[in-house]
Amino acid sequence: MAHKLPPLRFGYDALEPYIDAETMELHHDTHHQGYVDNLNKALEAYPQLAELTVEDLLHGLDQVPEAIRTAVRNNGGGHVNHRLFWDILGPRGDGAPKGAIADEINRDFGSFEHFQSLFTDAATRHFGSGWVFLVVNPSRHRLEIVSLPNQDSVLGQGTPGLLCCDVWEHAYYLKYRNRRPDYLGAWWKVIAWDAVDERLRDVRAATAGR
């Protein structure tokens, strides 16, 4: 079962003026596609892994043959990280969260503004390439901000991701050059908080009673 690049839910230009169409096309069709292609290539010699989802592969990374473990970690992580990234963006960003996600952000960070400041600071200070996530800590059952290098995925830690920001330069350099803070300011404008809220509800339903 070959892994596939999911189509975008909106056109390349749908996030203008915050994220430009050229960046969207290059990011999705070249960078994300490259992770999918390289993941499939790494798995070719191991048909016993063919029926596993990318989530299964990352959850059980220590069971993946050592010869391809790094390739699966990097390219599987790149695949799931980007998939989450596209899923929580939308052409009509909601501005601020509502519903369960708003309640839990207020509970765990004090306010949305404080959460936004902490998340932006983590993304601005992140050294080199990587990702910043909002996750549900499975042991504490609370929301946390996690910063990971390269294409490492929170799935490898058994932690459900709700929201993520790509701070690799390919995510913003065509429009914002080296001005990562400007990119982050724009990124907040195109978050589809209804999608984030839906992810939270799914996580809470899956872990109810644990």
C-alpha atoms as a PDB file:
ATOM      1  CA  MET A   1       0.000   0.000   0.000  1.00  0.00           C
ATOM      2  CA  ALA A   2       1.831   3.078  -1.229  1.00  0.00           C
ATOM      3  CA  HIS A   3       1.519   6.203   0.873  1.00  0.00           C
ATOM      4  CA  LYS A   4      -0.024   9.087  -1.036  1.00  0.00           C
ATOM      5  CA  LEU A   5       0.074  12.857  -0.986  1.00  0.00           C
ATOM      6  CA  PRO A   6      -3.317  14.142   0.205  1.00  0.00           C
ATOM      7  CA  PRO A   7      -4.765  16.939  -1.916  1.00  0.00           C
ATOM      8  CA  LEU A   8      -5.117  20.392  -0.446  1.00  0.00           C
ATOM      9  CA  ARG A   9      -8.623  21.320   0.696  1.00  0.00           C
ATOM     10  CA  PHE A  10      -8.252  24.722  -0.976  1.00  0.00           C
ATOM     11  CA  GLY A  11      -6.457  26.373  -3.883  1.00  0.00           C
ATOM     12  CA  TYR A  12      -2.828  27.447  -3.780  1.00  0.00           C
ATOM     13  CA  ASP A  13      -3.861  31.099  -3.646  1.00  0.00           C
ATOM     14  CA  ALA A  14      -6.557  30.641  -0.981  1.00  0.00           C
ATOM     15  CA  LEU A  15      -4.331  31.817   1.888  1.00  0.00           C
ATOM     16  CA  GLU A  16      -3.240  35.036   0.183  1.00  0.00           C
ATOM     17  CA  PRO A  17      -2.008  37.529   1.233  1.00  0.00           C
ATOM     18  CA  TYR A  18      -0.699  35.702   4.290  1.00  0.00           C
ATOM     19  CA  ILE A  19       0.853  32.698   2.547  1.00  0.00           C
ATOM     20  CA  ASP A  20       1.515  33.170  -1.152  1.00  0.00           C
ATOM     21  CA  ALA A  21       0.430  30.788  -3.909  1.00  0.00           C
ATOM     22  CA  GLU A  22       3.962  30.075  -5.133  1.00  0.00           C
ATOM     23  CA  THR A  23       5.056  28.961  -1.677  1.00  0.00           C
ATOM     24  CA  MET A  24       1.938  26.819  -1.265  1.00  0.00           C
ATOM     25  CA  GLU A  25       2.475  25.027  -4.567  1.00  0.00           C
ATOM     26  CA  LEU A  26       6.174  24.427  -3.966  1.00  0.00           C
ATOM     27  CA  HIS A  27       5.612  23.399  -0.346  1.00  0.00           C
ATOM     28  CA  HIS A  28       2.812  20.939  -1.092  1.00  0.00           C
ATOM     29  CA  ASP A  29       3.671  19.572  -4.518  1.00  0.00           C
ATOM     30  CA  THR A  30       7.453  19.405  -4.152  1.00  0.00           C
ATOM     31  CA  HIS A  31       8.452  19.242  -0.492  1.00  0.00           C
ATOM     32  CA  HIS A  32       5.560  17.186   0.872  1.00  0.00           C
ATOM     33  CA  GLN A  33       5.500  14.991  -2.224  1.00  0.00           C
ATOM     34  CA  GLY A  34       9.209  14.366  -1.753  1.00  0.00           C
ATOM     35  CA  TYR A  35       8.668  13.016   1.758  1.00  0.00           C
ATOM     36  CA  VAL A  36       5.938  10.689   0.509  1.00  0.00           C
ATOM     37  CA  ASP A  37       8.066   9.438  -2.392  1.00  0.00           C
ATOM     38  CA  ASN A  38      11.100   8.830  -0.183  1.00  0.00           C
ATOM     39  CA  LEU A  39       8.994   7.027   2.429  1.00  0.00           C
ATOM     40  CA  ASN A  40       7.607   4.691  -0.231  1.00  0.00           C
ATOM     41  CA  LYS A  41      11.099   4.104  -1.625  1.00  0.00           C
ATOM     42  CA  ALA A  42      12.444   3.202   1.820  1.00  0.00           C
ATOM     43  CA  LEU A  43       9.656   0.640   2.313  1.00  0.00           C
ATOM     44  CA  GLU A  44      10.003  -1.084  -1.079  1.00  0.00           C
ATOM     45  CA  ALA A  45      12.310  -3.832   0.206  1.00  0.00           C
ATOM     46  CA  TYR A  46      10.114  -4.565   3.240  1.00  0.00           C
ATOM     47  CA  PRO A  47       6.707  -5.823   2.044  1.00  0.00           C
ATOM     48  CA  GLN A  48       5.794  -6.813   5.610  1.00  0.00           C
ATOM     49  CA  LEU A  49       5.486  -3.102   6.355  1.00  0.00           C
ATOM     50  CA  ALA A  50       3.285  -2.379   3.353  1.00  0.00           C
ATOM     51  CA  GLU A  51      -0.031  -2.554   5.213  1.00  0.00           C
ATOM     52  CA  LEU A  52       1.025  -0.323   8.094  1.00  0.00           C
ATOM     53  CA  THR A  53      -0.140   3.261   8.257  1.00  0.00           C
ATOM     54  CA  VAL A  54       2.450   5.974   8.675  1.00  0.00           C
ATOM     55  CA  GLU A  55       1.111   6.441  12.216  1.00  0.00           C
ATOM     56  CA  ASP A  56       1.806   2.751  12.931  1.00  0.00           C
ATOM     57  CA  LEU A  57       5.325   3.094  11.555  1.00  0.00           C
ATOM     58  CA  LEU A  58       6.135   6.094  13.722  1.00  0.00           C
ATOM     59  CA  HIS A  59       4.499   4.662  16.851  1.00  0.00           C
ATOM     60  CA  GLY A  60       6.533   1.485  16.411  1.00  0.00           C
ATOM     61  CA  LEU A  61       9.714   3.010  15.057  1.00  0.00           C
ATOM     62  CA  ASP A  62      11.911   0.752  17.172  1.00  0.00           C
ATOM     63  CA  GLN A  63      10.384  -2.215  15.300  1.00  0.00           C
ATOM     64  CA  VAL A  64      11.259  -0.796  11.871  1.00  0.00           C
ATOM     65  CA  PRO A  65      14.397  -2.421  10.397  1.00  0.00           C
ATOM     66  CA  GLU A  66      17.477  -0.434  11.335  1.00  0.00           C
ATOM     67  CA  ALA A  67      18.494  -0.097   7.685  1.00  0.00           C
ATOM     68  CA  ILE A  68      15.502   2.154   6.961  1.00  0.00           C
ATOM     69  CA  ARG A  69      14.655   3.480  10.415  1.00  0.00           C
ATOM     70  CA  THR A  70      16.170   6.918   9.861  1.00  0.00           C
ATOM     71  CA  ALA A  71      14.513   7.233   6.443  1.00  0.00           C
ATOM     72  CA  VAL A  72      11.128   6.292   7.917  1.00  0.00           C
ATOM     73  CA  ARG A  73      11.602   8.678  10.836  1.00  0.00           C
ATOM     74  CA  ASN A  74      12.531  11.583   8.568  1.00  0.00           C
ATOM     75  CA  ASN A  75      10.164  10.997   5.675  1.00  0.00           C
ATOM     76  CA  GLY A  76       7.275   9.503   7.624  1.00  0.00           C
ATOM     77  CA  GLY A  77       7.562  12.399  10.030  1.00  0.00           C
ATOM     78  CA  GLY A  78       7.671  14.861   7.157  1.00  0.00           C
ATOM     79  CA  HIS A  79       4.536  13.281   5.723  1.00  0.00           C
ATOM     80  CA  VAL A  80       2.426  13.367   8.908  1.00  0.00           C
ATOM     81  CA  ASN A  81       3.692  16.777  10.008  1.00  0.00           C
ATOM     82  CA  HIS A  82       2.744  18.342   6.695  1.00  0.00           C
ATOM     83  CA  ARG A  83      -0.588  16.549   6.632  1.00  0.00           C
ATOM     84  CA  LEU A  84      -1.453  18.085   9.997  1.00  0.00           C
ATOM     85  CA  PHE A  85      -0.144  21.461   8.835  1.00  0.00           C
ATOM     86  CA  TRP A  86      -2.514  21.537   5.837  1.00  0.00           C
ATOM     87  CA  ASP A  87      -5.427  20.233   7.893  1.00  0.00           C
ATOM     88  CA  ILE A  88      -5.392  23.107  10.383  1.00  0.00           C
ATOM     89  CA  LEU A  89      -5.079  25.896   7.806  1.00  0.00           C
ATOM     90  CA  GLY A  90      -7.958  27.508   5.979  1.00  0.00           C
ATOM     91  CA  PRO A  91      -8.766  30.466   3.731  1.00  0.00           C
ATOM     92  CA  ARG A  92     -11.091  31.926   6.349  1.00  0.00           C
ATOM     93  CA  GLY A  93      -9.077  31.780   9.520  1.00  0.00           C
ATOM     94  CA  ASP A  94     -11.228  31.967  12.615  1.00  0.00           C
ATOM     95  CA  GLY A  95      -9.110  34.553  14.421  1.00  0.00           C
ATOM     96  CA  ALA A  96      -9.365  33.027  17.865  1.00  0.00           C
ATOM     97  CA  PRO A  97     -10.447  29.598  19.085  1.00  0.00           C
ATOM     98  CA  LYS A  98     -13.941  28.790  20.257  1.00  0.00           C
ATOM     99  CA  GLY A  99     -15.524  25.829  21.962  1.00  0.00           C
ATOM    100  CA  ALA A 100     -13.595  23.067  23.737  1.00  0.00           C
ATOM    101  CA  ILE A 101     -10.193  24.114  22.377  1.00  0.00           C
ATOM    102  CA  ALA A 102     -10.704  27.656  23.679  1.00  0.00           C
ATOM    103  CA  ASP A 103     -11.736  26.324  27.091  1.00  0.00           C
ATOM    104  CA  GLU A 104      -8.685  24.089  27.381  1.00  0.00           C
ATOM    105  CA  ILE A 105      -6.273  26.765  26.169  1.00  0.00           C
ATOM    106  CA  ASN A 106      -7.657  29.135  28.793  1.00  0.00           C
ATOM    107  CA  ARG A 107      -7.403  26.448  31.454  1.00  0.00           C
ATOM    108  CA  ASP A 108      -3.821  25.382  30.666  1.00  0.00           C
ATOM    109  CA  PHE A 109      -2.269  28.700  29.564  1.00  0.00           C
ATOM    110  CA  GLY A 110      -4.384  31.288  31.326  1.00  0.00           C
ATOM    111  CA  SER A 111      -5.607  32.961  28.137  1.00  0.00           C
ATOM    112  CA  PHE A 112      -5.412  32.635  24.376  1.00  0.00           C
ATOM    113  CA  GLU A 113      -3.145  35.685  24.229  1.00  0.00           C
ATOM    114  CA  HIS A 114      -0.676  34.093  26.642  1.00  0.00           C
ATOM    115  CA  PHE A 115      -0.733  30.813  24.705  1.00  0.00           C
ATOM    116  CA  GLN A 116      -0.193  32.697  21.435  1.00  0.00           C
ATOM    117  CA  SER A 117       2.763  34.560  22.925  1.00  0.00           C
ATOM    118  CA  LEU A 118       4.371  31.361  24.238  1.00  0.00           C
ATOM    119  CA  PHE A 119       3.840  29.488  20.986  1.00  0.00           C
ATOM    120  CA  THR A 120       5.197  32.365  18.875  1.00  0.00           C
ATOM    121  CA  ASP A 121       8.222  32.666  21.128  1.00  0.00           C
ATOM    122  CA  ALA A 122       8.946  28.934  20.807  1.00  0.00           C
ATOM    123  CA  ALA A 123       8.648  29.113  17.015  1.00  0.00           C
ATOM    124  CA  THR A 124      10.761  32.274  16.759  1.00  0.00           C
ATOM    125  CA  ARG A 125      13.512  30.876  18.965  1.00  0.00           C
ATOM    126  CA  HIS A 126      13.533  27.417  17.383  1.00  0.00           C
ATOM    127  CA  PHE A 127      17.080  26.909  16.105  1.00  0.00           C
ATOM    128  CA  GLY A 128      17.288  25.781  12.508  1.00  0.00           C
ATOM    129  CA  SER A 129      14.582  23.731  10.839  1.00  0.00           C
ATOM    130  CA  GLY A 130      11.737  22.024  12.625  1.00  0.00           C
ATOM    131  CA  TRP A 131       8.219  22.250  13.980  1.00  0.00           C
ATOM    132  CA  VAL A 132       6.305  23.629  16.931  1.00  0.00           C
ATOM    133  CA  PHE A 133       3.205  21.756  18.069  1.00  0.00           C
ATOM    134  CA  LEU A 134       0.277  22.146  20.392  1.00  0.00           C
ATOM    135  CA  VAL A 135      -0.289  18.673  21.837  1.00  0.00           C
ATOM    136  CA  VAL A 136      -2.304  16.806  24.415  1.00  0.00           C
ATOM    137  CA  ASN A 137       0.088  15.371  26.983  1.00  0.00           C
ATOM    138  CA  PRO A 138      -1.275  11.812  27.368  1.00  0.00           C
ATOM    139  CA  SER A 139      -0.149  11.382  30.961  1.00  0.00           C
ATOM    140  CA  ARG A 140      -1.157  14.783  32.297  1.00  0.00           C
ATOM    141  CA  HIS A 141      -4.195  15.176  29.993  1.00  0.00           C
ATOM    142  CA  ARG A 142      -3.251  18.821  29.497  1.00  0.00           C
ATOM    143  CA  LEU A 143      -2.254  20.917  26.508  1.00  0.00           C
ATOM    144  CA  GLU A 144       1.445  21.612  26.006  1.00  0.00           C
ATOM    145  CA  ILE A 145       3.696  23.317  23.470  1.00  0.00           C
ATOM    146  CA  VAL A 146       6.388  21.061  22.014  1.00  0.00           C
ATOM    147  CA  SER A 147       9.263  22.069  19.727  1.00  0.00           C
ATOM    148  CA  LEU A 148      10.962  19.339  17.663  1.00  0.00           C
ATOM    149  CA  PRO A 149      13.872  19.454  15.193  1.00  0.00           C
ATOM    150  CA  ASN A 150      13.907  18.479  11.527  1.00  0.00           C
ATOM    151  CA  GLN A 151      10.919  16.259  10.661  1.00  0.00           C
ATOM    152  CA  ASP A 152      10.555  14.588  14.035  1.00  0.00           C
ATOM    153  CA  SER A 153       6.902  13.931  14.822  1.00  0.00           C
ATOM    154  CA  VAL A 154       5.069  14.070  18.120  1.00  0.00           C
ATOM    155  CA  LEU A 155       3.560  10.730  17.108  1.00  0.00           C
ATOM    156  CA  GLY A 156       6.952   9.195  17.827  1.00  0.00           C
ATOM    157  CA  GLN A 157       6.396  10.264  21.436  1.00  0.00           C
ATOM    158  CA  GLY A 158       2.860   8.898  21.532  1.00  0.00           C
ATOM    159  CA  THR A 159       1.525  12.425  21.822  1.00  0.00           C
ATOM    160  CA  PRO A 160      -1.517  13.536  19.782  1.00  0.00           C
ATOM    161  CA  GLY A 161      -0.896  16.753  17.860  1.00  0.00           C
ATOM    162  CA  LEU A 162      -3.638  19.356  17.571  1.00  0.00           C
ATOM    163  CA  LEU A 163      -1.848  22.197  15.828  1.00  0.00           C
ATOM    164  CA  CYS A 164       1.568  22.645  14.233  1.00  0.00           C
ATOM    165  CA  CYS A 165       3.654  25.340  12.612  1.00  0.00           C
ATOM    166  CA  ASP A 166       6.338  24.550  10.047  1.00  0.00           C
ATOM    167  CA  VAL A 167       9.428  26.654  10.692  1.00  0.00           C
ATOM    168  CA  TRP A 168      11.535  25.177   7.919  1.00  0.00           C
ATOM    169  CA  GLU A 169      12.620  27.997   5.613  1.00  0.00           C
ATOM    170  CA  HIS A 170      10.805  26.434   2.656  1.00  0.00           C
ATOM    171  CA  ALA A 171       7.547  27.314   4.448  1.00  0.00           C
ATOM    172  CA  TYR A 172       8.116  31.054   4.229  1.00  0.00           C
ATOM    173  CA  TYR A 173      11.330  32.127   2.511  1.00  0.00           C
ATOM    174  CA  LEU A 174       9.901  33.103  -0.892  1.00  0.00           C
ATOM    175  CA  LYS A 175       7.644  35.733   0.675  1.00  0.00           C
ATOM    176  CA  TYR A 176       9.195  36.562   4.027  1.00  0.00           C
ATOM    177  CA  ARG A 177      12.897  35.835   3.388  1.00  0.00           C
ATOM    178  CA  ASN A 178      14.570  35.542   6.785  1.00  0.00           C
ATOM    179  CA  ARG A 179      11.760  37.347   8.639  1.00  0.00           C
ATOM    180  CA  ARG A 180      10.364  34.365  10.512  1.00  0.00           C
ATOM    181  CA  PRO A 181       8.413  36.546  12.985  1.00  0.00           C
ATOM    182  CA  ASP A 182       6.517  38.129  10.060  1.00  0.00           C
ATOM    183  CA  TYR A 183       5.633  34.680   8.747  1.00  0.00           C
ATOM    184  CA  LEU A 184       4.427  33.610  12.185  1.00  0.00           C
ATOM    185  CA  GLY A 185       2.247  36.697  12.461  1.00  0.00           C
ATOM    186  CA  ALA A 186       0.662  35.822   9.123  1.00  0.00           C
ATOM    187  CA  TRP A 187       0.273  32.127  10.002  1.00  0.00           C
ATOM    188  CA  TRP A 188      -1.968  32.974  12.962  1.00  0.00           C
ATOM    189  CA  LYS A 189      -4.365  34.632  10.479  1.00  0.00           C
ATOM    190  CA  VAL A 190      -5.088  31.404   8.585  1.00  0.00           C
ATOM    191  CA  ILE A 191      -5.607  28.844  11.347  1.00  0.00           C
ATOM    192  CA  ALA A 192      -8.922  27.000  11.023  1.00  0.00           C
ATOM    193  CA  TRP A 193      -9.732  26.709  14.709  1.00  0.00           C
ATOM    194  CA  ASP A 194     -12.791  24.598  13.997  1.00  0.00           C
ATOM    195  CA  ALA A 195     -10.455  21.921  12.616  1.00  0.00           C
ATOM    196  CA  VAL A 196      -8.241  22.170  15.713  1.00  0.00           C
ATOM    197  CA  ASP A 197     -11.302  21.886  17.956  1.00  0.00           C
ATOM    198  CA  GLU A 198     -12.450  18.809  16.043  1.00  0.00           C
ATOM    199  CA  ARG A 199      -9.037  17.191  16.535  1.00  0.00           C
ATOM    200  CA  LEU A 200      -9.225  17.869  20.260  1.00  0.00           C
ATOM    201  CA  ARG A 201     -12.683  16.338  20.507  1.00  0.00           C
ATOM    202  CA  ASP A 202     -11.468  13.221  18.647  1.00  0.00           C
ATOM    203  CA  VAL A 203      -8.503  12.878  21.023  1.00  0.00           C
ATOM    204  CA  ARG A 204     -10.695  13.292  24.092  1.00  0.00           C
ATOM    205  CA  ALA A 205     -13.188  10.721  22.776  1.00  0.00           C
ATOM    206  CA  ALA A 206     -10.399   8.236  22.034  1.00  0.00           C
ATOM    207  CA  THR A 207      -8.862   8.592  25.483  1.00  0.00           C
ATOM    208  CA  ALA A 208     -12.065   8.781  27.539  1.00  0.00           C
ATOM    209  CA  GLY A 209     -11.877   6.567  30.596  1.00  0.00           C
ATOM    210  CA  ARG A 210      -8.124   6.023  30.455  1.00  0.00           C
END
